[in-house]
């Protein structure tokens, strides 16, 4: 197989609700590359937007950036100790290491992360396929065996850890998570060890129940309650010390700013679409209360390492968030399942297990 023979199957999202399957040659790893056989890939919001047609600039896309698998072959210049058979997670984000952002330590916003893309040519992280060819720095070895579905969640967990590490509540603070989808609940799991009082705002009753089951101290139903007044009621009028907006609604950002405590922080975790959407807030909130409105995107290499070790040593329980899995050939069904409000993470497994 690794002498140039053999092919593998991969999916390509070619347009709105259009998926093509291709047979392509199994590649040989270059000097600094690693060939990985995919074990499981999760369906993320980004791929859902591409499939739905909300994000049209990504076509044709070989999606699947939350995935884990098995090392098949390792290039001779890969420095870390990898061997065929190792279980690994993949940090699909590319980091050049040479741009201003990377050298400043902001490799999660590398200036050149999309520079290798060729117009009209299928591109992407490759998790929705049977094999993926990665750079050595993108590979993180698990120190002990992990269930494939949990192993695939290193990437979203790393993104959440990046947000929580940037804006960590103090013990006794009130942290509010807006949205109890997968990313909101991952925030909840990560915040449990901080000593903060964690409140979750979510209009869906099933997801509010899940948040309580996973340790939320209180929940808010913003469809029937005034969000700002509810936060103030739960904090004796002070407001939220840290708010993580894990849903892409402009109104949620606006309300979070007005519900913030003095010197409170509002982190916009979820992207808002369509791009260019504006929000309106009273600027005096920033002046009089010293509120900070910021954001969080992706993860850096340290976040990813922390996520892999957290999963391997089971310091964060991901099992409540594993919804269902589909064979690669049923990727369209996986997208349909992922769009339902009663699912959290849906997976694709090339072997159909």
Foldseek 3Di string as FASTA:
>chain_A
DQVFDDWWKFWWQAAAQDIDIDTGTQDHAEQQKWKWFWFKFWDDPVNLCRNRHQDVPQPGEREGQQTKGFTDDGHNNQPDDDDGGFIKTFRQFDFPCPDPCNVVVNRLPHPCRPVPDDPPDYDYSNNLIRMGMGGSLGIDTFPDDFPRVLRSCLFLLLQLVQVCVVPPDAAAFEEEEEDQFQSSLSNLLVNPPRNHQYEYEDQDPVSLVVSVVSPHPYYHNVVPDPVLVVQCVVVVRFFGQEYEYPDQDLVVLQSNLSRAGQQHEYADEDHHPPPPDDHDHDCVSCVVRVYHYYYTGTHDSVSSNVSSHCRSVVVGDCVVQEFEEAESVVVSVQSVVCPDPVHHIYMYGPVGD
